[in-house]
Amino acid sequence: MYGLPADVDFRFFVDLVLTQVCMGLHELIVHFGTDATVTAEGDVGVRVAADPERIFSDYRQAVADVASFLSRTVVAVEPRADGTLTLSFGDNGQLSFYDSSPHYESYQIRHGPDYYVV
C-alpha cells in the first residue's frame, strides 16, 4: 500500500473525457485522451447511475460497466488519504481505484510527464 501523494492536485482529471477502456489479463486501463491514463491492478469500484457501488478484482466482470463511461466527462475527483481515487461522471456514476494490495502496486496514474504509483 503506497497511498496517494498528499502534495499532488488531482483536479487535472476534471473536464477530461474517457476515450478508451482496455482490459488485460491482470490490468484495466482507462485513457482520457492523451492527457491522462490510469492503470489498475488492484480493486476497482464502479457505481453506474444510482446503483450501489460494485467492487471488482476480476476486470472481465467490470469492463462493461466501466465502458459505460466512454465519452463521459469527469466532473469531480476525490483523492483520499487511504489511497482511494474516485472519479465522478456526474449522474452517470463514478469509478474508484483502491489501494487494495499490501505487497504490490494497486494502480498507476500517468499525467503528461508525471507518473504516480499507488
PDB file of N, CA and C in Angstrom:
ATOM      1  N   MET A   1       0.838  -1.176   0.000  1.00  0.00           N
ATOM      2  CA  MET A   1       0.000   0.000   0.000  1.00  0.00           C
ATOM      3  C   MET A   1       0.883   1.238   0.000  1.00  0.00           C
ATOM      4  N   TYR A   2       0.898   1.906  -1.128  1.00  0.00           N
ATOM      5  CA  TYR A   2       1.758   3.075  -1.279  1.00  0.00           C
ATOM      6  C   TYR A   2       1.034   4.373  -0.943  1.00  0.00           C
ATOM      7  N   GLY A   3      -0.268   4.431  -1.106  1.00  0.00           N
ATOM      8  CA  GLY A   3      -1.038   5.640  -0.847  1.00  0.00           C
ATOM      9  C   GLY A   3      -0.877   6.666  -1.957  1.00  0.00           C
ATOM     10  N   LEU A   4      -1.704   7.689  -1.902  1.00  0.00           N
ATOM     11  CA  LEU A   4      -1.626   8.799  -2.853  1.00  0.00           C
ATOM     12  C   LEU A   4      -0.714   9.874  -2.294  1.00  0.00           C
ATOM     13  N   PRO A   5       0.105  10.492  -3.129  1.00  0.00           N
ATOM     14  CA  PRO A   5       0.930  11.592  -2.623  1.00  0.00           C
ATOM     15  C   PRO A   5       0.046  12.759  -2.195  1.00  0.00           C
ATOM     16  N   ALA A   6       0.298  13.283  -1.013  1.00  0.00           N
ATOM     17  CA  ALA A   6      -0.538  14.356  -0.462  1.00  0.00           C
ATOM     18  C   ALA A   6      -0.319  15.696  -1.153  1.00  0.00           C
ATOM     19  N   ASP A   7       0.815  15.849  -1.821  1.00  0.00           N
ATOM     20  CA  ASP A   7       1.151  17.146  -2.400  1.00  0.00           C
ATOM     21  C   ASP A   7       0.740  17.285  -3.869  1.00  0.00           C
ATOM     22  N   VAL A   8      -0.037  16.342  -4.394  1.00  0.00           N
ATOM     23  CA  VAL A   8      -0.448  16.390  -5.804  1.00  0.00           C
ATOM     24  C   VAL A   8      -1.916  16.793  -5.886  1.00  0.00           C
ATOM     25  N   ASP A   9      -2.205  17.726  -6.777  1.00  0.00           N
ATOM     26  CA  ASP A   9      -3.562  18.168  -7.025  1.00  0.00           C
ATOM     27  C   ASP A   9      -4.119  17.349  -8.195  1.00  0.00           C
ATOM     28  N   PHE A  10      -4.986  16.411  -7.893  1.00  0.00           N
ATOM     29  CA  PHE A  10      -5.523  15.514  -8.916  1.00  0.00           C
ATOM     30  C   PHE A  10      -6.713  16.104  -9.670  1.00  0.00           C
ATOM     31  N   ARG A  11      -6.976  17.385  -9.474  1.00  0.00           N
ATOM     32  CA  ARG A  11      -8.077  18.023 -10.211  1.00  0.00           C
ATOM     33  C   ARG A  11      -7.807  18.118 -11.705  1.00  0.00           C
ATOM     34  N   PHE A  12      -6.617  17.721 -12.154  1.00  0.00           N
ATOM     35  CA  PHE A  12      -6.365  17.708 -13.601  1.00  0.00           C
ATOM     36  C   PHE A  12      -7.310  16.744 -14.316  1.00  0.00           C
ATOM     37  N   PHE A  13      -7.912  15.803 -13.578  1.00  0.00           N
ATOM     38  CA  PHE A  13      -8.879  14.890 -14.188  1.00  0.00           C
ATOM     39  C   PHE A  13     -10.188  15.585 -14.565  1.00  0.00           C
ATOM     40  N   VAL A  14     -10.540  16.660 -13.854  1.00  0.00           N
ATOM     41  CA  VAL A  14     -11.807  17.345 -14.107  1.00  0.00           C
ATOM     42  C   VAL A  14     -11.809  17.895 -15.532  1.00  0.00           C
ATOM     43  N   ASP A  15     -12.902  17.668 -16.220  1.00  0.00           N
ATOM     44  CA  ASP A  15     -13.145  18.072 -17.614  1.00  0.00           C
ATOM     45  C   ASP A  15     -12.482  17.153 -18.637  1.00  0.00           C
ATOM     46  N   LEU A  16     -11.800  16.093 -18.192  1.00  0.00           N
ATOM     47  CA  LEU A  16     -11.261  15.131 -19.150  1.00  0.00           C
ATOM     48  C   LEU A  16     -12.356  14.139 -19.549  1.00  0.00           C
ATOM     49  N   VAL A  17     -12.291  13.676 -20.776  1.00  0.00           N
ATOM     50  CA  VAL A  17     -13.277  12.741 -21.315  1.00  0.00           C
ATOM     51  C   VAL A  17     -12.647  11.354 -21.397  1.00  0.00           C
ATOM     52  N   LEU A  18     -13.373  10.347 -20.915  1.00  0.00           N
ATOM     53  CA  LEU A  18     -12.894   8.970 -21.018  1.00  0.00           C
ATOM     54  C   LEU A  18     -13.011   8.530 -22.473  1.00  0.00           C
ATOM     55  N   THR A  19     -11.883   8.222 -23.080  1.00  0.00           N
ATOM     56  CA  THR A  19     -11.869   7.911 -24.509  1.00  0.00           C
ATOM     57  C   THR A  19     -11.591   6.451 -24.821  1.00  0.00           C
ATOM     58  N   GLN A  20     -11.025   5.703 -23.859  1.00  0.00           N
ATOM     59  CA  GLN A  20     -10.698   4.310 -24.151  1.00  0.00           C
ATOM     60  C   GLN A  20     -10.641   3.508 -22.861  1.00  0.00           C
ATOM     61  N   VAL A  21     -11.165   2.278 -22.930  1.00  0.00           N
ATOM     62  CA  VAL A  21     -11.086   1.318 -21.833  1.00  0.00           C
ATOM     63  C   VAL A  21     -10.407   0.076 -22.383  1.00  0.00           C
ATOM     64  N   CYS A  22      -9.316  -0.343 -21.752  1.00  0.00           N
ATOM     65  CA  CYS A  22      -8.567  -1.522 -22.192  1.00  0.00           C
ATOM     66  C   CYS A  22      -8.521  -2.522 -21.038  1.00  0.00           C
ATOM     67  N   MET A  23      -8.657  -3.795 -21.380  1.00  0.00           N
ATOM     68  CA  MET A  23      -8.601  -4.823 -20.360  1.00  0.00           C
ATOM     69  C   MET A  23      -7.567  -5.858 -20.748  1.00  0.00           C
ATOM     70  N   GLY A  24      -6.708  -6.176 -19.802  1.00  0.00           N
ATOM     71  CA  GLY A  24      -5.746  -7.247 -19.983  1.00  0.00           C
ATOM     72  C   GLY A  24      -6.001  -8.325 -18.958  1.00  0.00           C
ATOM     73  N   LEU A  25      -5.160  -9.311 -18.949  1.00  0.00           N
ATOM     74  CA  LEU A  25      -5.319 -10.418 -18.021  1.00  0.00           C
ATOM     75  C   LEU A  25      -5.232  -9.964 -16.564  1.00  0.00           C
ATOM     76  N   HIS A  26      -4.344  -8.984 -16.297  1.00  0.00           N
ATOM     77  CA  HIS A  26      -4.129  -8.543 -14.915  1.00  0.00           C
ATOM     78  C   HIS A  26      -4.248  -7.043 -14.740  1.00  0.00           C
ATOM     79  N   GLU A  27      -4.842  -6.339 -15.710  1.00  0.00           N
ATOM     80  CA  GLU A  27      -4.969  -4.898 -15.553  1.00  0.00           C
ATOM     81  C   GLU A  27      -6.172  -4.364 -16.317  1.00  0.00           C
ATOM     82  N   LEU A  28      -6.631  -3.226 -15.837  1.00  0.00           N
ATOM     83  CA  LEU A  28      -7.677  -2.458 -16.501  1.00  0.00           C
ATOM     84  C   LEU A  28      -7.101  -1.068 -16.710  1.00  0.00           C
ATOM     85  N   ILE A  29      -7.138  -0.591 -17.939  1.00  0.00           N
ATOM     86  CA  ILE A  29      -6.531   0.697 -18.264  1.00  0.00           C
ATOM     87  C   ILE A  29      -7.606   1.617 -18.816  1.00  0.00           C
ATOM     88  N   VAL A  30      -7.686   2.820 -18.257  1.00  0.00           N
ATOM     89  CA  VAL A  30      -8.614   3.817 -18.772  1.00  0.00           C
ATOM     90  C   VAL A  30      -7.798   5.017 -19.249  1.00  0.00           C
ATOM     91  N   HIS A  31      -8.112   5.447 -20.476  1.00  0.00           N
ATOM     92  CA  HIS A  31      -7.410   6.566 -21.100  1.00  0.00           C
ATOM     93  C   HIS A  31      -8.341   7.766 -21.205  1.00  0.00           C
ATOM     94  N   PHE A  32      -7.801   8.904 -20.874  1.00  0.00           N
ATOM     95  CA  PHE A  32      -8.519  10.167 -21.009  1.00  0.00           C
ATOM     96  C   PHE A  32      -7.808  10.957 -22.097  1.00  0.00           C
ATOM     97  N   GLY A  33      -8.060  10.567 -23.340  1.00  0.00           N
ATOM     98  CA  GLY A  33      -7.356  11.175 -24.469  1.00  0.00           C
ATOM     99  C   GLY A  33      -5.870  10.973 -24.292  1.00  0.00           C
ATOM    100  N   THR A  34      -5.106  11.986 -24.631  1.00  0.00           N
ATOM    101  CA  THR A  34      -3.660  11.930 -24.428  1.00  0.00           C
ATOM    102  C   THR A  34      -3.253  12.588 -23.113  1.00  0.00           C
ATOM    103  N   ASP A  35      -4.251  13.033 -22.323  1.00  0.00           N
ATOM    104  CA  ASP A  35      -3.960  13.804 -21.119  1.00  0.00           C
ATOM    105  C   ASP A  35      -3.637  12.977 -19.889  1.00  0.00           C
ATOM    106  N   ALA A  36      -4.312  11.834 -19.726  1.00  0.00           N
ATOM    107  CA  ALA A  36      -4.114  11.052 -18.501  1.00  0.00           C
ATOM    108  C   ALA A  36      -4.528   9.602 -18.733  1.00  0.00           C
ATOM    109  N   THR A  37      -3.879   8.711 -17.975  1.00  0.00           N
ATOM    110  CA  THR A  37      -4.177   7.286 -18.017  1.00  0.00           C
ATOM    111  C   THR A  37      -4.110   6.745 -16.595  1.00  0.00           C
ATOM    112  N   VAL A  38      -5.045   5.849 -16.275  1.00  0.00           N
ATOM    113  CA  VAL A  38      -4.980   5.123 -15.010  1.00  0.00           C
ATOM    114  C   VAL A  38      -4.930   3.642 -15.352  1.00  0.00           C
ATOM    115  N   THR A  39      -3.925   2.954 -14.814  1.00  0.00           N
ATOM    116  CA  THR A  39      -3.785   1.514 -14.990  1.00  0.00           C
ATOM    117  C   THR A  39      -4.032   0.856 -13.642  1.00  0.00           C
ATOM    118  N   ALA A  40      -5.090   0.075 -13.552  1.00  0.00           N
ATOM    119  CA  ALA A  40      -5.454  -0.591 -12.303  1.00  0.00           C
ATOM    120  C   ALA A  40      -4.972  -2.028 -12.308  1.00  0.00           C
ATOM    121  N   GLU A  41      -4.394  -2.435 -11.200  1.00  0.00           N
ATOM    122  CA  GLU A  41      -4.020  -3.826 -10.969  1.00  0.00           C
ATOM    123  C   GLU A  41      -4.587  -4.316  -9.642  1.00  0.00           C
ATOM    124  N   GLY A  42      -5.292  -3.428  -8.954  1.00  0.00           N
ATOM    125  CA  GLY A  42      -5.961  -3.753  -7.697  1.00  0.00           C
ATOM    126  C   GLY A  42      -7.460  -3.624  -7.877  1.00  0.00           C
ATOM    127  N   ASP A  43      -8.169  -3.522  -6.782  1.00  0.00           N
ATOM    128  CA  ASP A  43      -9.627  -3.447  -6.838  1.00  0.00           C
ATOM    129  C   ASP A  43     -10.104  -2.145  -7.469  1.00  0.00           C
ATOM    130  N   VAL A  44     -11.191  -2.271  -8.228  1.00  0.00           N
ATOM    131  CA  VAL A  44     -11.824  -1.133  -8.886  1.00  0.00           C
ATOM    132  C   VAL A  44     -13.288  -1.123  -8.466  1.00  0.00           C
ATOM    133  N   GLY A  45     -13.779   0.045  -8.076  1.00  0.00           N
ATOM    134  CA  GLY A  45     -15.185   0.195  -7.726  1.00  0.00           C
ATOM    135  C   GLY A  45     -15.910   0.936  -8.827  1.00  0.00           C
ATOM    136  N   VAL A  46     -17.108   0.466  -9.145  1.00  0.00           N
ATOM    137  CA  VAL A  46     -17.904   1.097 -10.198  1.00  0.00           C
ATOM    138  C   VAL A  46     -19.315   1.320  -9.670  1.00  0.00           C
ATOM    139  N   ARG A  47     -19.756   2.544  -9.786  1.00  0.00           N
ATOM    140  CA  ARG A  47     -21.156   2.869  -9.478  1.00  0.00           C
ATOM    141  C   ARG A  47     -21.745   3.474 -10.736  1.00  0.00           C
ATOM    142  N   VAL A  48     -22.686   2.778 -11.348  1.00  0.00           N
ATOM    143  CA  VAL A  48     -23.335   3.251 -12.564  1.00  0.00           C
ATOM    144  C   VAL A  48     -24.658   3.886 -12.179  1.00  0.00           C
ATOM    145  N   ALA A  49     -24.829   5.155 -12.571  1.00  0.00           N
ATOM    146  CA  ALA A  49     -26.040   5.925 -12.274  1.00  0.00           C
ATOM    147  C   ALA A  49     -26.314   5.876 -10.775  1.00  0.00           C
ATOM    148  N   ALA A  50     -27.521   5.509 -10.379  1.00  0.00           N
ATOM    149  CA  ALA A  50     -27.893   5.499  -8.961  1.00  0.00           C
ATOM    150  C   ALA A  50     -27.716   4.127  -8.315  1.00  0.00           C
ATOM    151  N   ASP A  51     -27.163   3.166  -9.052  1.00  0.00           N
ATOM    152  CA  ASP A  51     -26.949   1.834  -8.490  1.00  0.00           C
ATOM    153  C   ASP A  51     -25.884   1.876  -7.397  1.00  0.00           C
ATOM    154  N   PRO A  52     -25.898   0.916  -6.475  1.00  0.00           N
ATOM    155  CA  PRO A  52     -24.831   0.855  -5.475  1.00  0.00           C
ATOM    156  C   PRO A  52     -23.494   0.493  -6.123  1.00  0.00           C
ATOM    157  N   GLU A  53     -22.427   0.884  -5.461  1.00  0.00           N
ATOM    158  CA  GLU A  53     -21.090   0.563  -5.975  1.00  0.00           C
ATOM    159  C   GLU A  53     -20.849  -0.938  -5.919  1.00  0.00           C
ATOM    160  N   ARG A  54     -20.199  -1.428  -6.976  1.00  0.00           N
ATOM    161  CA  ARG A  54     -19.732  -2.813  -7.011  1.00  0.00           C
ATOM    162  C   ARG A  54     -18.213  -2.766  -7.113  1.00  0.00           C
ATOM    163  N   ILE A  55     -17.543  -3.592  -6.323  1.00  0.00           N
ATOM    164  CA  ILE A  55     -16.076  -3.614  -6.319  1.00  0.00           C
ATOM    165  C   ILE A  55     -15.623  -4.884  -7.023  1.00  0.00           C
ATOM    166  N   PHE A  56     -14.682  -4.699  -7.965  1.00  0.00           N
ATOM    167  CA  PHE A  56     -14.214  -5.790  -8.809  1.00  0.00           C
ATOM    168  C   PHE A  56     -12.714  -5.996  -8.661  1.00  0.00           C
ATOM    169  N   SER A  57     -12.298  -7.249  -8.613  1.00  0.00           N
ATOM    170  CA  SER A  57     -10.892  -7.597  -8.767  1.00  0.00           C
ATOM    171  C   SER A  57     -10.698  -8.396 -10.053  1.00  0.00           C
ATOM    172  N   ASP A  58     -11.796  -8.913 -10.594  1.00  0.00           N
ATOM    173  CA  ASP A  58     -11.785  -9.591 -11.890  1.00  0.00           C
ATOM    174  C   ASP A  58     -12.333  -8.602 -12.913  1.00  0.00           C
ATOM    175  N   TYR A  59     -11.464  -8.056 -13.720  1.00  0.00           N
ATOM    176  CA  TYR A  59     -11.848  -6.977 -14.636  1.00  0.00           C
ATOM    177  C   TYR A  59     -12.785  -7.439 -15.741  1.00  0.00           C
ATOM    178  N   ARG A  60     -12.828  -8.726 -16.012  1.00  0.00           N
ATOM    179  CA  ARG A  60     -13.771  -9.234 -17.012  1.00  0.00           C
ATOM    180  C   ARG A  60     -15.204  -8.935 -16.593  1.00  0.00           C
ATOM    181  N   GLN A  61     -15.437  -8.896 -15.300  1.00  0.00           N
ATOM    182  CA  GLN A  61     -16.775  -8.593 -14.793  1.00  0.00           C
ATOM    183  C   GLN A  61     -17.046  -7.096 -14.755  1.00  0.00           C
ATOM    184  N   ALA A  62     -16.006  -6.291 -14.740  1.00  0.00           N
ATOM    185  CA  ALA A  62     -16.157  -4.838 -14.598  1.00  0.00           C
ATOM    186  C   ALA A  62     -16.178  -4.086 -15.914  1.00  0.00           C
ATOM    187  N   VAL A  63     -15.607  -4.668 -16.957  1.00  0.00           N
ATOM    188  CA  VAL A  63     -15.327  -3.896 -18.161  1.00  0.00           C
ATOM    189  C   VAL A  63     -16.581  -3.309 -18.806  1.00  0.00           C
ATOM    190  N   ALA A  64     -17.690  -4.011 -18.793  1.00  0.00           N
ATOM    191  CA  ALA A  64     -18.909  -3.469 -19.400  1.00  0.00           C
ATOM    192  C   ALA A  64     -19.400  -2.238 -18.644  1.00  0.00           C
ATOM    193  N   ASP A  65     -19.357  -2.304 -17.312  1.00  0.00           N
ATOM    194  CA  ASP A  65     -19.772  -1.140 -16.522  1.00  0.00           C
ATOM    195  C   ASP A  65     -18.824   0.029 -16.728  1.00  0.00           C
ATOM    196  N   VAL A  66     -17.533  -0.238 -16.733  1.00  0.00           N
ATOM    197  CA  VAL A  66     -16.554   0.829 -16.940  1.00  0.00           C
ATOM    198  C   VAL A  66     -16.724   1.437 -18.329  1.00  0.00           C
ATOM    199  N   ALA A  67     -16.987   0.599 -19.326  1.00  0.00           N
ATOM    200  CA  ALA A  67     -17.172   1.088 -20.696  1.00  0.00           C
ATOM    201  C   ALA A  67     -18.389   2.002 -20.818  1.00  0.00           C
ATOM    202  N   SER A  68     -19.327   1.910 -19.899  1.00  0.00           N
ATOM    203  CA  SER A  68     -20.489   2.798 -19.952  1.00  0.00           C
ATOM    204  C   SER A  68     -20.101   4.260 -19.733  1.00  0.00           C
ATOM    205  N   PHE A  69     -18.896   4.493 -19.233  1.00  0.00           N
ATOM    206  CA  PHE A  69     -18.421   5.867 -19.026  1.00  0.00           C
ATOM    207  C   PHE A  69     -17.703   6.435 -20.255  1.00  0.00           C
ATOM    208  N   LEU A  70     -17.544   5.631 -21.302  1.00  0.00           N
ATOM    209  CA  LEU A  70     -16.897   6.131 -22.523  1.00  0.00           C
ATOM    210  C   LEU A  70     -17.626   7.359 -23.033  1.00  0.00           C
ATOM    211  N   SER A  71     -16.879   8.346 -23.425  1.00  0.00           N
ATOM    212  CA  SER A  71     -17.329   9.659 -23.917  1.00  0.00           C
ATOM    213  C   SER A  71     -17.926  10.533 -22.816  1.00  0.00           C
ATOM    214  N   ARG A  72     -17.846  10.094 -21.580  1.00  0.00           N
ATOM    215  CA  ARG A  72     -18.330  10.897 -20.444  1.00  0.00           C
ATOM    216  C   ARG A  72     -17.188  11.749 -19.889  1.00  0.00           C
ATOM    217  N   THR A  73     -17.560  12.859 -19.303  1.00  0.00           N
ATOM    218  CA  THR A  73     -16.600  13.817 -18.764  1.00  0.00           C
ATOM    219  C   THR A  73     -16.505  13.690 -17.252  1.00  0.00           C
ATOM    220  N   VAL A  74     -15.294  13.718 -16.732  1.00  0.00           N
ATOM    221  CA  VAL A  74     -15.079  13.724 -15.286  1.00  0.00           C
ATOM    222  C   VAL A  74     -15.505  15.096 -14.763  1.00  0.00           C
ATOM    223  N   VAL A  75     -16.410  15.094 -13.784  1.00  0.00           N
ATOM    224  CA  VAL A  75     -16.896  16.361 -13.226  1.00  0.00           C
ATOM    225  C   VAL A  75     -16.313  16.645 -11.842  1.00  0.00           C
ATOM    226  N   ALA A  76     -15.784  15.605 -11.191  1.00  0.00           N
ATOM    227  CA  ALA A  76     -15.178  15.788  -9.871  1.00  0.00           C
ATOM    228  C   ALA A  76     -14.204  14.651  -9.614  1.00  0.00           C
ATOM    229  N   VAL A  77     -13.229  14.933  -8.765  1.00  0.00           N
ATOM    230  CA  VAL A  77     -12.244  13.920  -8.377  1.00  0.00           C
ATOM    231  C   VAL A  77     -12.075  13.990  -6.868  1.00  0.00           C
ATOM    232  N   GLU A  78     -11.962  12.809  -6.244  1.00  0.00           N
ATOM    233  CA  GLU A  78     -11.777  12.753  -4.795  1.00  0.00           C
ATOM    234  C   GLU A  78     -10.617  11.825  -4.460  1.00  0.00           C
ATOM    235  N   PRO A  79      -9.451  12.401  -4.159  1.00  0.00           N
ATOM    236  CA  PRO A  79      -8.348  11.576  -3.652  1.00  0.00           C
ATOM    237  C   PRO A  79      -8.483  11.467  -2.128  1.00  0.00           C
ATOM    238  N   ARG A  80      -8.330  10.263  -1.589  1.00  0.00           N
ATOM    239  CA  ARG A  80      -8.451  10.076  -0.147  1.00  0.00           C
ATOM    240  C   ARG A  80      -7.130   9.609   0.448  1.00  0.00           C
ATOM    241  N   ALA A  81      -6.958   9.890   1.704  1.00  0.00           N
ATOM    242  CA  ALA A  81      -5.720   9.543   2.405  1.00  0.00           C
ATOM    243  C   ALA A  81      -5.453   8.045   2.415  1.00  0.00           C
ATOM    244  N   ASP A  82      -6.503   7.225   2.308  1.00  0.00           N
ATOM    245  CA  ASP A  82      -6.307   5.769   2.321  1.00  0.00           C
ATOM    246  C   ASP A  82      -5.835   5.233   0.974  1.00  0.00           C
ATOM    247  N   GLY A  83      -5.630   6.129   0.000  1.00  0.00           N
ATOM    248  CA  GLY A  83      -5.135   5.719  -1.310  1.00  0.00           C
ATOM    249  C   GLY A  83      -6.213   5.545  -2.360  1.00  0.00           C
ATOM    250  N   THR A  84      -7.465   5.770  -1.999  1.00  0.00           N
ATOM    251  CA  THR A  84      -8.557   5.654  -2.958  1.00  0.00           C
ATOM    252  C   THR A  84      -8.652   6.913  -3.810  1.00  0.00           C
ATOM    253  N   LEU A  85      -8.806   6.715  -5.110  1.00  0.00           N
ATOM    254  CA  LEU A  85      -9.038   7.826  -6.035  1.00  0.00           C
ATOM    255  C   LEU A  85     -10.374   7.574  -6.716  1.00  0.00           C
ATOM    256  N   THR A  86     -11.309   8.519  -6.571  1.00  0.00           N
ATOM    257  CA  THR A  86     -12.634   8.382  -7.167  1.00  0.00           C
ATOM    258  C   THR A  86     -12.840   9.477  -8.199  1.00  0.00           C
ATOM    259  N   LEU A  87     -13.220   9.042  -9.397  1.00  0.00           N
ATOM    260  CA  LEU A  87     -13.547   9.952 -10.489  1.00  0.00           C
ATOM    261  C   LEU A  87     -15.049   9.920 -10.678  1.00  0.00           C
ATOM    262  N   SER A  88     -15.693  11.077 -10.606  1.00  0.00           N
ATOM    263  CA  SER A  88     -17.138  11.163 -10.747  1.00  0.00           C
ATOM    264  C   SER A  88     -17.504  11.633 -12.145  1.00  0.00           C
ATOM    265  N   PHE A  89     -18.474  10.933 -12.717  1.00  0.00           N
ATOM    266  CA  PHE A  89     -19.007  11.287 -14.034  1.00  0.00           C
ATOM    267  C   PHE A  89     -20.409  11.865 -13.874  1.00  0.00           C
ATOM    268  N   GLY A  90     -20.638  12.567 -12.779  1.00  0.00           N
ATOM    269  CA  GLY A  90     -21.934  13.182 -12.510  1.00  0.00           C
ATOM    270  C   GLY A  90     -23.014  12.142 -12.307  1.00  0.00           C
ATOM    271  N   ASP A  91     -24.186  12.375 -12.919  1.00  0.00           N
ATOM    272  CA  ASP A  91     -25.316  11.457 -12.767  1.00  0.00           C
ATOM    273  C   ASP A  91     -25.050  10.089 -13.389  1.00  0.00           C
ATOM    274  N   ASN A  92     -24.009   9.992 -14.222  1.00  0.00           N
ATOM    275  CA  ASN A  92     -23.695   8.716 -14.874  1.00  0.00           C
ATOM    276  C   ASN A  92     -23.007   7.730 -13.933  1.00  0.00           C
ATOM    277  N   GLY A  93     -22.447   8.227 -12.813  1.00  0.00           N
ATOM    278  CA  GLY A  93     -21.828   7.341 -11.847  1.00  0.00           C
ATOM    279  C   GLY A  93     -20.403   7.718 -11.528  1.00  0.00           C
ATOM    280  N   GLN A  94     -19.670   6.763 -10.983  1.00  0.00           N
ATOM    281  CA  GLN A  94     -18.279   7.034 -10.603  1.00  0.00           C
ATOM    282  C   GLN A  94     -17.430   5.775 -10.693  1.00  0.00           C
ATOM    283  N   LEU A  95     -16.145   6.029 -10.814  1.00  0.00           N
ATOM    284  CA  LEU A  95     -15.141   4.979 -10.941  1.00  0.00           C
ATOM    285  C   LEU A  95     -14.101   5.210  -9.853  1.00  0.00           C
ATOM    286  N   SER A  96     -13.856   4.195  -9.038  1.00  0.00           N
ATOM    287  CA  SER A  96     -12.910   4.316  -7.931  1.00  0.00           C
ATOM    288  C   SER A  96     -11.785   3.303  -8.082  1.00  0.00           C
ATOM    289  N   PHE A  97     -10.597   3.755  -7.757  1.00  0.00           N
ATOM    290  CA  PHE A  97      -9.411   2.899  -7.753  1.00  0.00           C
ATOM    291  C   PHE A  97      -8.948   2.789  -6.312  1.00  0.00           C
ATOM    292  N   TYR A  98      -8.787   1.549  -5.841  1.00  0.00           N
ATOM    293  CA  TYR A  98      -8.463   1.303  -4.441  1.00  0.00           C
ATOM    294  C   TYR A  98      -7.022   0.852  -4.272  1.00  0.00           C
ATOM    295  N   ASP A  99      -6.401   1.319  -3.205  1.00  0.00           N
ATOM    296  CA  ASP A  99      -5.069   0.880  -2.817  1.00  0.00           C
ATOM    297  C   ASP A  99      -5.269  -0.412  -2.015  1.00  0.00           C
ATOM    298  N   SER A 100      -5.495  -1.508  -2.732  1.00  0.00           N
ATOM    299  CA  SER A 100      -6.002  -2.723  -2.109  1.00  0.00           C
ATOM    300  C   SER A 100      -4.961  -3.810  -1.851  1.00  0.00           C
ATOM    301  N   SER A 101      -3.730  -3.601  -2.287  1.00  0.00           N
ATOM    302  CA  SER A 101      -2.728  -4.642  -2.108  1.00  0.00           C
ATOM    303  C   SER A 101      -1.638  -4.192  -1.137  1.00  0.00           C
ATOM    304  N   PRO A 102      -1.394  -4.956  -0.085  1.00  0.00           N
ATOM    305  CA  PRO A 102      -0.344  -4.575   0.850  1.00  0.00           C
ATOM    306  C   PRO A 102       1.069  -4.848   0.317  1.00  0.00           C
ATOM    307  N   HIS A 103       1.185  -5.650  -0.750  1.00  0.00           N
ATOM    308  CA  HIS A 103       2.503  -6.048  -1.236  1.00  0.00           C
ATOM    309  C   HIS A 103       2.852  -5.533  -2.622  1.00  0.00           C
ATOM    310  N   TYR A 104       1.840  -5.161  -3.403  1.00  0.00           N
ATOM    311  CA  TYR A 104       2.083  -4.755  -4.789  1.00  0.00           C
ATOM    312  C   TYR A 104       1.380  -3.445  -5.079  1.00  0.00           C
ATOM    313  N   GLU A 105       1.773  -2.820  -6.184  1.00  0.00           N
ATOM    314  CA  GLU A 105       1.086  -1.600  -6.573  1.00  0.00           C
ATOM    315  C   GLU A 105      -0.337  -1.929  -6.989  1.00  0.00           C
ATOM    316  N   SER A 106      -1.249  -1.024  -6.661  1.00  0.00           N
ATOM    317  CA  SER A 106      -2.663  -1.228  -6.966  1.00  0.00           C
ATOM    318  C   SER A 106      -3.083  -0.507  -8.237  1.00  0.00           C
ATOM    319  N   TYR A 107      -2.512   0.665  -8.478  1.00  0.00           N
ATOM    320  CA  TYR A 107      -2.784   1.387  -9.715  1.00  0.00           C
ATOM    321  C   TYR A 107      -1.711   2.439  -9.946  1.00  0.00           C
ATOM    322  N   GLN A 108      -1.623   2.867 -11.188  1.00  0.00           N
ATOM    323  CA  GLN A 108      -0.686   3.920 -11.564  1.00  0.00           C
ATOM    324  C   GLN A 108      -1.442   4.997 -12.328  1.00  0.00           C
ATOM    325  N   ILE A 109      -0.990   6.220 -12.164  1.00  0.00           N
ATOM    326  CA  ILE A 109      -1.571   7.363 -12.859  1.00  0.00           C
ATOM    327  C   ILE A 109      -0.481   8.004 -13.692  1.00  0.00           C
ATOM    328  N   ARG A 110      -0.762   8.227 -14.966  1.00  0.00           N
ATOM    329  CA  ARG A 110       0.134   8.993 -15.836  1.00  0.00           C
ATOM    330  C   ARG A 110      -0.595  10.266 -16.237  1.00  0.00           C
ATOM    331  N   HIS A 111       0.092  11.372 -16.077  1.00  0.00           N
ATOM    332  CA  HIS A 111      -0.442  12.668 -16.492  1.00  0.00           C
ATOM    333  C   HIS A 111       0.722  13.456 -17.073  1.00  0.00           C
ATOM    334  N   GLY A 112       0.747  13.540 -18.394  1.00  0.00           N
ATOM    335  CA  GLY A 112       1.890  14.178 -19.038  1.00  0.00           C
ATOM    336  C   GLY A 112       3.160  13.450 -18.625  1.00  0.00           C
ATOM    337  N   PRO A 113       4.165  14.195 -18.183  1.00  0.00           N
ATOM    338  CA  PRO A 113       5.410  13.556 -17.761  1.00  0.00           C
ATOM    339  C   PRO A 113       5.368  12.976 -16.340  1.00  0.00           C
ATOM    340  N   ASP A 114       4.263  13.226 -15.623  1.00  0.00           N
ATOM    341  CA  ASP A 114       4.155  12.796 -14.230  1.00  0.00           C
ATOM    342  C   ASP A 114       3.619  11.367 -14.148  1.00  0.00           C
ATOM    343  N   TYR A 115       4.135  10.629 -13.175  1.00  0.00           N
ATOM    344  CA  TYR A 115       3.789   9.221 -13.007  1.00  0.00           C
ATOM    345  C   TYR A 115       3.691   8.942 -11.507  1.00  0.00           C
ATOM    346  N   TYR A 116       2.538   8.458 -11.083  1.00  0.00           N
ATOM    347  CA  TYR A 116       2.293   8.180  -9.658  1.00  0.00           C
ATOM    348  C   TYR A 116       1.939   6.709  -9.498  1.00  0.00           C
ATOM    349  N   VAL A 117       2.572   6.055  -8.545  1.00  0.00           N
ATOM    350  CA  VAL A 117       2.322   4.646  -8.256  1.00  0.00           C
ATOM    351  C   VAL A 117       1.655   4.547  -6.893  1.00  0.00           C
ATOM    352  N   VAL A 118       0.534   3.858  -6.862  1.00  0.00           N
ATOM    353  CA  VAL A 118      -0.213   3.699  -5.610  1.00  0.00           C
ATOM    354  C   VAL A 118      -0.297   2.222  -5.289  1.00  0.00           C
TER     355      VAL A 118
END
